[in-house]
C-alpha atoms as a PDB file:
ATOM      1  CA  UNK A   1      32.893   3.961  36.584  1.00  0.00           C
ATOM      2  CA  UNK A   2      33.765   7.636  36.940  1.00  0.00           C
ATOM      3  CA  UNK A   3      32.951   9.143  40.315  1.00  0.00           C
ATOM      4  CA  UNK A   4      33.011  12.662  41.676  1.00  0.00           C
ATOM      5  CA  UNK A   5      35.641  11.583  44.190  1.00  0.00           C
ATOM      6  CA  UNK A   6      37.970  10.786  41.279  1.00  0.00           C
ATOM      7  CA  UNK A   7      37.515  14.299  39.943  1.00  0.00           C
ATOM      8  CA  UNK A   8      38.271  15.783  43.351  1.00  0.00           C
ATOM      9  CA  UNK A   9      41.439  13.711  43.521  1.00  0.00           C
ATOM     10  CA  UNK A  10      42.474  14.784  40.027  1.00  0.00           C
ATOM     11  CA  UNK A  11      42.152  18.396  41.188  1.00  0.00           C
ATOM     12  CA  UNK A  12      44.470  17.683  44.121  1.00  0.00           C
ATOM     13  CA  UNK A  13      41.733  17.906  46.732  1.00  0.00           C
ATOM     14  CA  UNK A  14      41.429  15.796  49.873  1.00  0.00           C
ATOM     15  CA  UNK A  15      37.924  14.283  49.967  1.00  0.00           C
ATOM     16  CA  UNK A  16      38.012  14.069  53.769  1.00  0.00           C
ATOM     17  CA  UNK A  17      37.973  17.879  53.889  1.00  0.00           C
ATOM     18  CA  UNK A  18      35.220  18.402  51.307  1.00  0.00           C
ATOM     19  CA  UNK A  19      31.475  18.413  51.946  1.00  0.00           C
ATOM     20  CA  UNK A  20      28.955  17.694  49.207  1.00  0.00           C
ATOM     21  CA  UNK A  21      25.997  20.093  49.272  1.00  0.00           C
ATOM     22  CA  UNK A  22      22.802  19.446  47.279  1.00  0.00           C
ATOM     23  CA  UNK A  23      20.523  22.468  47.069  1.00  0.00           C
ATOM     24  CA  UNK A  24      16.804  21.922  46.656  1.00  0.00           C
ATOM     25  CA  UNK A  25      14.347  24.649  47.659  1.00  0.00           C
ATOM     26  CA  UNK A  26      10.563  24.618  48.002  1.00  0.00           C
ATOM     27  CA  UNK A  27       8.910  23.821  44.669  1.00  0.00           C
ATOM     28  CA  UNK A  28       7.855  27.393  43.939  1.00  0.00           C
ATOM     29  CA  UNK A  29      11.451  28.632  44.194  1.00  0.00           C
ATOM     30  CA  UNK A  30      13.418  25.686  42.811  1.00  0.00           C
ATOM     31  CA  UNK A  31      13.454  26.675  39.142  1.00  0.00           C
ATOM     32  CA  UNK A  32      14.673  30.177  39.986  1.00  0.00           C
ATOM     33  CA  UNK A  33      17.327  28.721  42.285  1.00  0.00           C
ATOM     34  CA  UNK A  34      18.578  26.457  39.498  1.00  0.00           C
ATOM     35  CA  UNK A  35      18.718  29.242  36.910  1.00  0.00           C
ATOM     36  CA  UNK A  36      20.516  31.516  39.382  1.00  0.00           C
ATOM     37  CA  UNK A  37      23.041  28.800  40.199  1.00  0.00           C
ATOM     38  CA  UNK A  38      24.028  28.006  36.621  1.00  0.00           C
ATOM     39  CA  UNK A  39      24.221  31.723  35.762  1.00  0.00           C
ATOM     40  CA  UNK A  40      26.161  32.585  38.936  1.00  0.00           C
ATOM     41  CA  UNK A  41      23.662  35.105  40.223  1.00  0.00           C
ATOM     42  CA  UNK A  42      24.520  36.717  43.600  1.00  0.00           C
ATOM     43  CA  UNK A  43      21.192  35.468  44.967  1.00  0.00           C
ATOM     44  CA  UNK A  44      22.468  31.889  44.841  1.00  0.00           C
ATOM     45  CA  UNK A  45      25.661  32.853  46.666  1.00  0.00           C
ATOM     46  CA  UNK A  46      23.601  34.522  49.404  1.00  0.00           C
ATOM     47  CA  UNK A  47      21.255  31.542  49.671  1.00  0.00           C
ATOM     48  CA  UNK A  48      24.093  29.034  49.981  1.00  0.00           C
ATOM     49  CA  UNK A  49      25.944  31.047  52.611  1.00  0.00           C
ATOM     50  CA  UNK A  50      22.883  31.657  54.800  1.00  0.00           C
ATOM     51  CA  UNK A  51      22.291  28.796  57.217  1.00  0.00           C
ATOM     52  CA  UNK A  52      20.337  28.256  60.418  1.00  0.00           C
ATOM     53  CA  UNK A  53      20.547  24.548  61.185  1.00  0.00           C
ATOM     54  CA  UNK A  54      23.294  23.870  63.770  1.00  0.00           C
ATOM     55  CA  UNK A  55      24.166  20.475  62.227  1.00  0.00           C
ATOM     56  CA  UNK A  56      24.505  21.964  58.751  1.00  0.00           C
ATOM     57  CA  UNK A  57      26.579  24.858  60.087  1.00  0.00           C
ATOM     58  CA  UNK A  58      28.858  22.374  61.854  1.00  0.00           C
ATOM     59  CA  UNK A  59      29.290  20.228  58.743  1.00  0.00           C
ATOM     60  CA  UNK A  60      30.038  23.199  56.532  1.00  0.00           C
ATOM     61  CA  UNK A  61      32.178  25.025  59.051  1.00  0.00           C
ATOM     62  CA  UNK A  62      34.436  22.002  59.631  1.00  0.00           C
ATOM     63  CA  UNK A  63      35.165  21.637  55.899  1.00  0.00           C
ATOM     64  CA  UNK A  64      37.944  23.128  53.827  1.00  0.00           C
ATOM     65  CA  UNK A  65      35.707  23.252  50.771  1.00  0.00           C
ATOM     66  CA  UNK A  66      32.141  22.722  49.599  1.00  0.00           C
ATOM     67  CA  UNK A  67      31.257  20.943  46.361  1.00  0.00           C
ATOM     68  CA  UNK A  68      27.859  22.343  45.493  1.00  0.00           C
ATOM     69  CA  UNK A  69      25.106  20.789  43.416  1.00  0.00           C
ATOM     70  CA  UNK A  70      21.614  21.968  42.529  1.00  0.00           C
ATOM     71  CA  UNK A  71      18.555  20.036  41.379  1.00  0.00           C
ATOM     72  CA  UNK A  72      17.465  20.985  37.850  1.00  0.00           C
ATOM     73  CA  UNK A  73      13.813  21.149  36.656  1.00  0.00           C
ATOM     74  CA  UNK A  74      14.012  17.494  35.580  1.00  0.00           C
ATOM     75  CA  UNK A  75      15.130  16.381  39.048  1.00  0.00           C
ATOM     76  CA  UNK A  76      18.765  15.725  38.133  1.00  0.00           C
ATOM     77  CA  UNK A  77      21.641  16.714  40.399  1.00  0.00           C
ATOM     78  CA  UNK A  78      23.963  19.148  38.596  1.00  0.00           C
ATOM     79  CA  UNK A  79      27.404  20.254  39.774  1.00  0.00           C
ATOM     80  CA  UNK A  80      27.717  24.019  40.243  1.00  0.00           C
ATOM     81  CA  UNK A  81      31.198  24.558  41.628  1.00  0.00           C
ATOM     82  CA  UNK A  82      33.628  24.462  44.524  1.00  0.00           C
ATOM     83  CA  UNK A  83      33.850  26.983  47.343  1.00  0.00           C
ATOM     84  CA  UNK A  84      36.554  27.278  49.973  1.00  0.00           C
ATOM     85  CA  UNK A  85      35.300  27.721  53.526  1.00  0.00           C
ATOM     86  CA  UNK A  86      36.870  30.707  55.301  1.00  0.00           C
ATOM     87  CA  UNK A  87      34.861  30.442  58.504  1.00  0.00           C
ATOM     88  CA  UNK A  88      31.416  31.127  59.947  1.00  0.00           C
ATOM     89  CA  UNK A  89      29.821  34.299  61.267  1.00  0.00           C
ATOM     90  CA  UNK A  90      26.883  34.430  63.747  1.00  0.00           C
ATOM     91  CA  UNK A  91      24.785  36.726  61.595  1.00  0.00           C
ATOM     92  CA  UNK A  92      21.380  36.690  59.918  1.00  0.00           C
ATOM     93  CA  UNK A  93      21.219  36.847  56.139  1.00  0.00           C
ATOM     94  CA  UNK A  94      17.693  36.405  54.738  1.00  0.00           C
ATOM     95  CA  UNK A  95      16.772  33.747  52.210  1.00  0.00           C
ATOM     96  CA  UNK A  96      16.677  35.833  48.985  1.00  0.00           C
ATOM     97  CA  UNK A  97      13.953  33.639  47.479  1.00  0.00           C
ATOM     98  CA  UNK A  98      11.417  34.012  50.277  1.00  0.00           C
ATOM     99  CA  UNK A  99       9.634  36.898  52.009  1.00  0.00           C
ATOM    100  CA  UNK A 100      11.678  38.510  54.811  1.00  0.00           C
ATOM    101  CA  UNK A 101      11.727  36.616  58.077  1.00  0.00           C
ATOM    102  CA  UNK A 102      12.991  37.200  61.581  1.00  0.00           C
ATOM    103  CA  UNK A 103      16.478  35.894  62.463  1.00  0.00           C
ATOM    104  CA  UNK A 104      16.548  32.392  63.907  1.00  0.00           C
ATOM    105  CA  UNK A 105      18.445  31.481  67.087  1.00  0.00           C
ATOM    106  CA  UNK A 106      21.226  29.829  65.083  1.00  0.00           C
ATOM    107  CA  UNK A 107      21.401  32.180  62.087  1.00  0.00           C
ATOM    108  CA  UNK A 108      24.855  31.887  60.550  1.00  0.00           C
ATOM    109  CA  UNK A 109      26.631  33.097  57.441  1.00  0.00           C
ATOM    110  CA  UNK A 110      29.266  30.717  56.078  1.00  0.00           C
ATOM    111  CA  UNK A 111      32.125  32.754  54.614  1.00  0.00           C
ATOM    112  CA  UNK A 112      32.688  31.205  51.173  1.00  0.00           C
ATOM    113  CA  UNK A 113      34.962  31.960  48.239  1.00  0.00           C
ATOM    114  CA  UNK A 114      34.544  30.382  44.822  1.00  0.00           C
ATOM    115  CA  UNK A 115      37.424  28.175  43.699  1.00  0.00           C
ATOM    116  CA  UNK A 116      38.657  27.675  40.107  1.00  0.00           C
ATOM    117  CA  UNK A 117      39.202  23.922  40.474  1.00  0.00           C
ATOM    118  CA  UNK A 118      36.706  21.893  38.410  1.00  0.00           C
ATOM    119  CA  UNK A 119      35.028  25.095  37.263  1.00  0.00           C
ATOM    120  CA  UNK A 120      34.937  23.789  33.714  1.00  0.00           C
ATOM    121  CA  UNK A 121      32.384  21.197  34.858  1.00  0.00           C
ATOM    122  CA  UNK A 122      30.026  23.774  36.364  1.00  0.00           C
ATOM    123  CA  UNK A 123      26.512  23.361  34.997  1.00  0.00           C
ATOM    124  CA  UNK A 124      27.609  20.373  32.888  1.00  0.00           C
ATOM    125  CA  UNK A 125      28.341  17.509  35.266  1.00  0.00           C
ATOM    126  CA  UNK A 126      25.417  15.394  36.491  1.00  0.00           C
ATOM    127  CA  UNK A 127      25.760  12.914  39.343  1.00  0.00           C
ATOM    128  CA  UNK A 128      23.574  10.268  40.930  1.00  0.00           C
ATOM    129  CA  UNK A 129      22.971  11.558  44.451  1.00  0.00           C
ATOM    130  CA  UNK A 130      21.450   8.294  45.607  1.00  0.00           C
ATOM    131  CA  UNK A 131      19.250   7.728  48.633  1.00  0.00           C
ATOM    132  CA  UNK A 132      19.124   9.885  51.699  1.00  0.00           C
ATOM    133  CA  UNK A 133      18.028  13.069  49.944  1.00  0.00           C
ATOM    134  CA  UNK A 134      17.154  14.623  53.289  1.00  0.00           C
ATOM    135  CA  UNK A 135      20.863  14.502  54.155  1.00  0.00           C
ATOM    136  CA  UNK A 136      21.691  17.301  51.742  1.00  0.00           C
ATOM    137  CA  UNK A 137      25.153  17.935  53.238  1.00  0.00           C
ATOM    138  CA  UNK A 138      27.443  14.896  53.165  1.00  0.00           C
ATOM    139  CA  UNK A 139      31.104  13.961  53.573  1.00  0.00           C
ATOM    140  CA  UNK A 140      32.715  13.632  50.150  1.00  0.00           C
ATOM    141  CA  UNK A 141      34.941  10.726  51.188  1.00  0.00           C
ATOM    142  CA  UNK A 142      32.082   8.727  52.716  1.00  0.00           C
ATOM    143  CA  UNK A 143      29.412   9.242  50.045  1.00  0.00           C
ATOM    144  CA  UNK A 144      31.155   9.139  46.679  1.00  0.00           C
ATOM    145  CA  UNK A 145      28.804   9.871  43.774  1.00  0.00           C
ATOM    146  CA  UNK A 146      28.666   8.285  40.336  1.00  0.00           C
ATOM    147  CA  UNK A 147      28.987  10.673  37.394  1.00  0.00           C
ATOM    148  CA  UNK A 148      26.085   9.825  35.083  1.00  0.00           C
ATOM    149  CA  UNK A 149      26.343  12.579  32.483  1.00  0.00           C
ATOM    150  CA  UNK A 150      28.755  15.191  31.172  1.00  0.00           C
ATOM    151  CA  UNK A 151      26.960  17.721  29.027  1.00  0.00           C
ATOM    152  CA  UNK A 152      28.728  19.407  26.137  1.00  0.00           C
ATOM    153  CA  UNK A 153      27.575  22.816  27.356  1.00  0.00           C
ATOM    154  CA  UNK A 154      25.620  24.396  30.182  1.00  0.00           C
ATOM    155  CA  UNK A 155      22.013  23.594  29.380  1.00  0.00           C
ATOM    156  CA  UNK A 156      18.884  25.599  29.869  1.00  0.00           C
ATOM    157  CA  UNK A 157      15.664  23.600  29.653  1.00  0.00           C
ATOM    158  CA  UNK A 158      13.793  23.988  26.397  1.00  0.00           C
ATOM    159  CA  UNK A 159      10.728  26.205  26.470  1.00  0.00           C
ATOM    160  CA  UNK A 160       7.846  23.785  27.112  1.00  0.00           C
ATOM    161  CA  UNK A 161       5.455  25.476  24.706  1.00  0.00           C
ATOM    162  CA  UNK A 162       2.766  28.092  25.244  1.00  0.00           C
ATOM    163  CA  UNK A 163       0.150  25.557  26.328  1.00  0.00           C
ATOM    164  CA  UNK A 164       2.384  23.902  28.935  1.00  0.00           C
ATOM    165  CA  UNK A 165       4.268  26.933  30.217  1.00  0.00           C
ATOM    166  CA  UNK A 166       3.623  28.372  33.651  1.00  0.00           C
ATOM    167  CA  UNK A 167       5.703  30.258  36.166  1.00  0.00           C
ATOM    168  CA  UNK A 168       5.357  32.023  39.466  1.00  0.00           C
ATOM    169  CA  UNK A 169       5.077  35.784  39.115  1.00  0.00           C
ATOM    170  CA  UNK A 170       8.207  36.056  41.249  1.00  0.00           C
ATOM    171  CA  UNK A 171      10.171  33.987  38.680  1.00  0.00           C
ATOM    172  CA  UNK A 172       9.704  36.234  35.664  1.00  0.00           C
ATOM    173  CA  UNK A 173      13.099  37.953  35.759  1.00  0.00           C
ATOM    174  CA  UNK A 174      14.922  34.676  36.460  1.00  0.00           C
ATOM    175  CA  UNK A 175      13.652  32.806  33.398  1.00  0.00           C
ATOM    176  CA  UNK A 176      16.201  31.953  30.685  1.00  0.00           C
ATOM    177  CA  UNK A 177      16.770  34.810  28.255  1.00  0.00           C
ATOM    178  CA  UNK A 178      15.446  32.763  25.343  1.00  0.00           C
ATOM    179  CA  UNK A 179      12.201  32.206  27.273  1.00  0.00           C
ATOM    180  CA  UNK A 180      11.986  35.883  28.185  1.00  0.00           C
ATOM    181  CA  UNK A 181      12.409  36.904  24.554  1.00  0.00           C
ATOM    182  CA  UNK A 182       9.563  34.631  23.471  1.00  0.00           C
ATOM    183  CA  UNK A 183       7.279  35.964  26.205  1.00  0.00           C
ATOM    184  CA  UNK A 184       8.311  39.521  25.385  1.00  0.00           C
ATOM    185  CA  UNK A 185       7.145  39.188  21.786  1.00  0.00           C
ATOM    186  CA  UNK A 186       3.872  37.331  22.464  1.00  0.00           C
ATOM    187  CA  UNK A 187       0.578  39.040  23.294  1.00  0.00           C
ATOM    188  CA  UNK A 188      -2.743  37.616  24.374  1.00  0.00           C
ATOM    189  CA  UNK A 189      -4.733  36.474  27.398  1.00  0.00           C
ATOM    190  CA  UNK A 190      -3.258  35.054  30.589  1.00  0.00           C
ATOM    191  CA  UNK A 191      -4.510  33.506  33.821  1.00  0.00           C
ATOM    192  CA  UNK A 192      -3.210  34.145  37.334  1.00  0.00           C
ATOM    193  CA  UNK A 193      -4.031  31.471  39.915  1.00  0.00           C
ATOM    194  CA  UNK A 194      -3.705  32.125  43.628  1.00  0.00           C
ATOM    195  CA  UNK A 195      -2.030  28.989  44.968  1.00  0.00           C
ATOM    196  CA  UNK A 196      -3.725  28.891  48.357  1.00  0.00           C
ATOM    197  CA  UNK A 197      -7.319  29.616  47.391  1.00  0.00           C
ATOM    198  CA  UNK A 198      -7.343  28.675  43.698  1.00  0.00           C
ATOM    199  CA  UNK A 199      -8.930  32.055  42.923  1.00  0.00           C
ATOM    200  CA  UNK A 200      -8.403  33.086  39.298  1.00  0.00           C
ATOM    201  CA  UNK A 201      -7.712  36.360  37.552  1.00  0.00           C
ATOM    202  CA  UNK A 202      -7.923  36.710  33.772  1.00  0.00           C
ATOM    203  CA  UNK A 203      -5.872  39.487  32.203  1.00  0.00           C
ATOM    204  CA  UNK A 204      -4.520  40.571  28.853  1.00  0.00           C
ATOM    205  CA  UNK A 205      -1.091  41.564  27.570  1.00  0.00           C
ATOM    206  CA  UNK A 206      -1.349  44.121  24.785  1.00  0.00           C
ATOM    207  CA  UNK A 207       1.756  46.284  25.162  1.00  0.00           C
ATOM    208  CA  UNK A 208       5.158  46.149  23.502  1.00  0.00           C
ATOM    209  CA  UNK A 209       6.569  44.018  26.332  1.00  0.00           C
ATOM    210  CA  UNK A 210       4.042  41.242  25.751  1.00  0.00           C
ATOM    211  CA  UNK A 211       3.341  38.771  28.530  1.00  0.00           C
ATOM    212  CA  UNK A 212       6.740  39.399  30.093  1.00  0.00           C
ATOM    213  CA  UNK A 213       6.210  43.126  30.465  1.00  0.00           C
ATOM    214  CA  UNK A 214       2.718  42.691  31.838  1.00  0.00           C
ATOM    215  CA  UNK A 215       3.748  40.122  34.432  1.00  0.00           C
ATOM    216  CA  UNK A 216       6.614  42.282  35.607  1.00  0.00           C
ATOM    217  CA  UNK A 217       3.965  44.775  36.640  1.00  0.00           C
ATOM    218  CA  UNK A 218       2.821  42.346  39.348  1.00  0.00           C
ATOM    219  CA  UNK A 219       6.109  42.457  41.254  1.00  0.00           C
ATOM    220  CA  UNK A 220       4.230  44.083  44.152  1.00  0.00           C
ATOM    221  CA  UNK A 221       1.690  41.239  44.208  1.00  0.00           C
ATOM    222  CA  UNK A 222      -1.233  43.149  42.710  1.00  0.00           C
ATOM    223  CA  UNK A 223      -0.152  45.342  39.780  1.00  0.00           C
ATOM    224  CA  UNK A 224      -2.853  47.848  40.683  1.00  0.00           C
ATOM    225  CA  UNK A 225      -5.665  45.271  40.544  1.00  0.00           C
ATOM    226  CA  UNK A 226      -8.202  45.922  43.296  1.00  0.00           C
ATOM    227  CA  UNK A 227      -9.068  42.298  44.141  1.00  0.00           C
ATOM    228  CA  UNK A 228      -5.392  41.218  44.241  1.00  0.00           C
ATOM    229  CA  UNK A 229      -4.546  44.239  46.348  1.00  0.00           C
ATOM    230  CA  UNK A 230      -7.254  43.248  48.836  1.00  0.00           C
ATOM    231  CA  UNK A 231      -5.719  39.774  49.181  1.00  0.00           C
ATOM    232  CA  UNK A 232      -2.450  41.465  50.080  1.00  0.00           C
ATOM    233  CA  UNK A 233      -0.225  38.572  49.051  1.00  0.00           C
ATOM    234  CA  UNK A 234       3.226  38.667  47.469  1.00  0.00           C
ATOM    235  CA  UNK A 235       3.929  37.771  43.848  1.00  0.00           C
ATOM    236  CA  UNK A 236       5.222  34.314  44.786  1.00  0.00           C
ATOM    237  CA  UNK A 237       1.667  33.309  45.724  1.00  0.00           C
ATOM    238  CA  UNK A 238       0.536  33.394  42.085  1.00  0.00           C
ATOM    239  CA  UNK A 239       1.169  31.164  39.086  1.00  0.00           C
ATOM    240  CA  UNK A 240       0.827  32.634  35.605  1.00  0.00           C
ATOM    241  CA  UNK A 241      -0.503  30.656  32.631  1.00  0.00           C
ATOM    242  CA  UNK A 242      -1.125  31.643  29.013  1.00  0.00           C
ATOM    243  CA  UNK A 243      -4.690  30.995  27.902  1.00  0.00           C
ATOM    244  CA  UNK A 244      -4.469  32.232  24.311  1.00  0.00           C
ATOM    245  CA  UNK A 245      -2.064  34.149  22.126  1.00  0.00           C
ATOM    246  CA  UNK A 246      -3.138  36.817  19.666  1.00  0.00           C
ATOM    247  CA  UNK A 247      -1.926  36.945  16.072  1.00  0.00           C
ATOM    248  CA  UNK A 248       0.296  39.766  14.856  1.00  0.00           C
ATOM    249  CA  UNK A 249      -2.657  41.359  13.046  1.00  0.00           C
ATOM    250  CA  UNK A 250      -4.854  41.449  16.158  1.00  0.00           C
ATOM    251  CA  UNK A 251      -5.739  44.897  17.468  1.00  0.00           C
ATOM    252  CA  UNK A 252      -5.872  45.854  21.120  1.00  0.00           C
ATOM    253  CA  UNK A 253      -9.658  45.648  20.947  1.00  0.00           C
ATOM    254  CA  UNK A 254      -9.359  42.128  19.531  1.00  0.00           C
ATOM    255  CA  UNK A 255      -7.266  41.064  22.540  1.00  0.00           C
ATOM    256  CA  UNK A 256      -9.733  42.679  24.939  1.00  0.00           C
ATOM    257  CA  UNK A 257     -12.526  40.695  23.268  1.00  0.00           C
ATOM    258  CA  UNK A 258     -10.571  37.464  23.822  1.00  0.00           C
ATOM    259  CA  UNK A 259     -10.031  38.453  27.444  1.00  0.00           C
ATOM    260  CA  UNK A 260     -13.755  39.051  27.974  1.00  0.00           C
ATOM    261  CA  UNK A 261     -14.586  35.672  26.466  1.00  0.00           C
ATOM    262  CA  UNK A 262     -12.202  33.888  28.820  1.00  0.00           C
ATOM    263  CA  UNK A 263     -13.668  35.713  31.812  1.00  0.00           C
ATOM    264  CA  UNK A 264     -17.063  34.328  30.844  1.00  0.00           C
ATOM    265  CA  UNK A 265     -15.731  30.815  30.262  1.00  0.00           C
ATOM    266  CA  UNK A 266     -13.964  30.634  33.614  1.00  0.00           C
ATOM    267  CA  UNK A 267     -16.498  32.616  35.623  1.00  0.00           C
ATOM    268  CA  UNK A 268     -13.719  34.802  36.989  1.00  0.00           C
ATOM    269  CA  UNK A 269     -16.073  37.747  37.439  1.00  0.00           C
ATOM    270  CA  UNK A 270     -18.635  35.819  39.479  1.00  0.00           C
ATOM    271  CA  UNK A 271     -16.283  33.735  41.611  1.00  0.00           C
ATOM    272  CA  UNK A 272     -12.788  34.915  40.754  1.00  0.00           C
ATOM    273  CA  UNK A 273     -10.671  38.031  41.072  1.00  0.00           C
ATOM    274  CA  UNK A 274     -11.980  39.995  38.089  1.00  0.00           C
ATOM    275  CA  UNK A 275     -14.145  42.991  38.966  1.00  0.00           C
ATOM    276  CA  UNK A 276     -15.009  44.020  35.404  1.00  0.00           C
END
């Protein structure tokens, strides 16, 4: 059985000085976190370095290196890379996936530097984390992990299909490029659902940017819509769904007619967030 500890040893690393870190955010941010991690976006680096739990800071700060993993959309634990630990700084760095918050009493930035060792496995190696998921920082030498899969290439999840697809409005720019291209070329009628209240807004995408371009317009949480503006909530409070796509021959008026029909079906004028 191949274990992650064996790979650390093959790279000349002492498991007693390595901590295993398994990143899993709140559900609404997890997909973005995963995509950022496998594509090495600076947001992931900021998220990993920003800590506020004294126990976690102690575990990380006492290590020579971190072996980082992230949970993919299917719930599997994927290796992302190794970081050397240079020290800790008593400083607040906000969680880049959440609205700004006040510094906590133990806000700390862990000074990390990416290491080349095992980098060829980044985004490809899947381990079995085992029980104790709440203990998301562990000693590498005490909790060795079985390697259960080695992918041929870094994988992005397949697009689930128009009928199954949904995303938070805050996730739009973090979706895989292949997904973005599909959403950029598709037009039609969409539904926004406010997570807390369940209130619905039916809208249409008719421009050259398709659904993608239209949803980007909601980065401020309302996109100029009066009812959404009155709620005053950020984009990460809304999920976007596609109700119906329009054919290439459909005119703008055709799409507006589809939109009006969906407003009637869902009652989004009477009880939802549509004002017209």
